[in-house]
Protein backbone atom coordinates (compact mmCIF):
# COMPACT_ATOMS: atom_id res chain seq x y z
CA MET A 1 -13.06 -13.00 -15.41
CA GLY A 2 -15.94 -11.00 -13.91
CA VAL A 3 -16.13 -7.46 -12.64
CA ARG A 4 -13.08 -6.16 -10.78
CA ILE A 5 -13.68 -3.54 -8.07
CA LEU A 6 -11.19 -1.44 -6.08
CA ILE A 7 -12.35 -0.18 -2.68
CA ALA A 8 -10.70 2.53 -0.58
CA ASP A 9 -11.55 3.35 3.02
CA ASP A 10 -9.37 4.04 6.03
CA HIS A 11 -11.45 1.81 8.33
CA GLU A 12 -10.68 -1.92 8.22
CA SER A 13 -14.20 -2.85 9.38
CA VAL A 14 -15.74 -0.93 6.47
CA LEU A 15 -13.36 -2.56 3.98
CA ARG A 16 -14.28 -6.03 5.28
CA ARG A 17 -18.04 -5.32 5.22
CA VAL A 18 -17.98 -3.81 1.72
CA ARG A 19 -15.74 -6.58 0.37
CA GLY A 20 -18.03 -9.27 1.76
CA THR A 21 -21.14 -7.60 0.35
CA LEU A 22 -19.64 -7.03 -3.11
CA GLU A 23 -18.13 -10.50 -3.41
CA ALA A 24 -21.49 -12.07 -2.51
CA GLU A 25 -22.68 -10.86 -5.93
CA PRO A 26 -22.04 -13.38 -8.73
CA GLY A 27 -19.13 -12.38 -10.94
CA TRP A 28 -17.90 -9.52 -8.73
CA LYS A 29 -14.40 -9.54 -7.24
CA VAL A 30 -12.63 -6.99 -5.09
CA CYS A 31 -9.27 -6.80 -6.87
CA GLY A 32 -7.70 -4.41 -4.38
CA GLU A 33 -8.07 -2.32 -1.26
CA ALA A 34 -6.52 0.98 -0.19
CA VAL A 35 -6.53 2.89 3.10
CA SER A 36 -5.51 6.34 1.84
CA GLY A 37 -6.09 8.53 -1.17
CA ARG A 38 -2.54 8.10 -2.45
CA ASP A 39 -2.77 4.30 -2.06
CA ALA A 40 -6.06 4.30 -3.97
CA ILE A 41 -4.51 6.19 -6.90
CA ALA A 42 -1.52 3.83 -6.99
CA GLU A 43 -3.74 0.74 -6.82
CA ALA A 44 -6.09 2.06 -9.51
CA ALA A 45 -3.13 2.68 -11.83
CA ARG A 46 -1.68 -0.76 -11.11
CA LEU A 47 -4.88 -2.85 -11.14
CA LYS A 48 -7.03 -0.98 -13.70
CA PRO A 49 -10.33 -2.01 -12.06
CA ASP A 50 -13.74 -1.90 -13.72
CA LEU A 51 -15.13 0.29 -10.91
CA VAL A 52 -13.76 2.21 -7.90
CA ILE A 53 -15.48 2.83 -4.55
CA LEU A 54 -13.95 5.62 -2.46
CA ASP A 55 -14.54 7.01 0.99
CA PHE A 56 -14.48 10.82 1.28
CA ALA A 57 -12.54 11.21 4.54
CA MET A 58 -9.23 9.43 4.00
CA PRO A 59 -5.64 10.27 4.99
CA GLN A 60 -3.22 11.93 2.56
CA LEU A 61 -5.86 12.93 -0.01
CA ASP A 62 -9.60 13.24 0.43
CA GLY A 63 -11.98 11.33 -1.80
CA LEU A 64 -12.64 14.26 -4.13
CA LYS A 65 -8.96 14.80 -4.94
CA THR A 66 -8.43 11.05 -5.17
CA ALA A 67 -11.36 10.71 -7.58
CA SER A 68 -9.99 13.52 -9.76
CA GLU A 69 -6.64 11.76 -10.05
CA ILE A 70 -8.19 8.36 -10.77
CA SER A 71 -10.61 9.76 -13.36
CA THR A 72 -7.65 11.39 -15.13
CA LEU A 73 -5.79 8.05 -15.19
CA LEU A 74 -8.81 5.85 -15.98
CA ALA A 75 -11.39 8.06 -17.70
CA ASP A 76 -13.84 5.24 -18.47
CA VAL A 77 -13.88 3.73 -14.97
CA PRO A 78 -16.91 4.74 -12.90
CA ILE A 79 -16.26 6.02 -9.38
CA ILE A 80 -18.67 5.78 -6.46
CA MET A 81 -18.19 7.97 -3.39
CA TYR A 82 -19.33 5.86 -0.41
CA THR A 83 -19.50 8.31 2.48
CA MET A 84 -21.30 9.75 5.48
CA TYR A 85 -20.72 13.23 4.03
CA GLY A 86 -22.84 12.89 0.90
CA SER A 87 -24.95 15.97 1.60
CA LEU A 88 -21.78 18.08 1.88
CA ILE A 89 -20.09 16.90 -1.30
CA GLY A 90 -23.02 16.10 -3.56
CA ARG A 91 -22.64 19.15 -5.79
CA GLU A 92 -18.87 18.83 -6.04
CA ALA A 93 -18.80 15.11 -6.78
CA ASN A 94 -19.52 15.32 -10.50
CA LYS A 95 -16.76 17.93 -11.01
CA HIS A 96 -14.27 15.36 -9.73
CA GLY A 97 -15.34 12.44 -11.93
CA ILE A 98 -17.62 10.77 -9.37
CA ALA A 99 -20.59 9.05 -10.97
CA ARG A 100 -22.61 8.40 -7.77
CA VAL A 101 -22.57 9.39 -4.12
CA VAL A 102 -23.95 6.70 -1.79
CA ASP A 103 -24.55 7.01 1.94
CA LYS A 104 -22.42 4.65 4.02
CA SER A 105 -25.41 3.51 6.02
CA ASP A 106 -27.03 1.91 2.95
CA LEU A 107 -25.19 -1.12 1.54
CA ARG A 108 -28.17 -1.97 -0.66
CA ALA A 109 -27.90 1.43 -2.34
CA LEU A 110 -24.20 0.73 -2.94
CA ILE A 111 -25.02 -2.57 -4.68
CA ALA A 112 -27.72 -0.85 -6.75
CA ALA A 113 -25.29 1.90 -7.78
CA VAL A 114 -22.64 -0.62 -8.82
CA LYS A 115 -25.18 -2.56 -10.89
CA GLU A 116 -26.44 0.62 -12.53
CA LEU A 117 -22.99 1.94 -13.39
CA LEU A 118 -21.71 -1.36 -14.75
CA GLY A 119 -24.83 -1.89 -16.83
CA THR A 120 -25.84 -5.17 -18.39
CA ASP A 121 -23.32 -4.94 -21.24
CA ARG A 122 -20.46 -5.92 -18.88
CA GLN A 123 -22.39 -8.86 -17.48
CA GLN A 124 -24.07 -10.23 -20.59
CA PRO A 125 -23.20 -10.27 -24.29
CA SER A 126 -24.78 -7.46 -26.27
CA LEU A 127 -27.77 -8.37 -28.44
CA GLU A 128 -26.44 -6.05 -31.16
CA ALA A 129 -23.44 -8.36 -31.67
CA ALA A 130 -25.71 -11.22 -32.75
């Protein structure tokens, strides 16, 4: 089935670019997109993704409030804040259930963060099971 990722950003061009970059990775699939904080919460509850990527500046609810709601609903799902405002929210991010803050100008850092947060146990069978 692969890794299922939900992305939320209020800019269509960003959604397209992030989707294309993520889906270029073997076994990764964007299972849903949202353009507002409220939509992201609803989609997370409906889709139960393996990982969520949120923008900070979104309509209806900002990324911090959205992350808090999603982390309450899906406590084990890592959340990445993908934003231009990382320096402003860095200290607050962890309080809202955000595992990583990644600057929007660095898609490679986003891919690295996703790989780190998903770990190898979701991509390969555990050696302990053998």
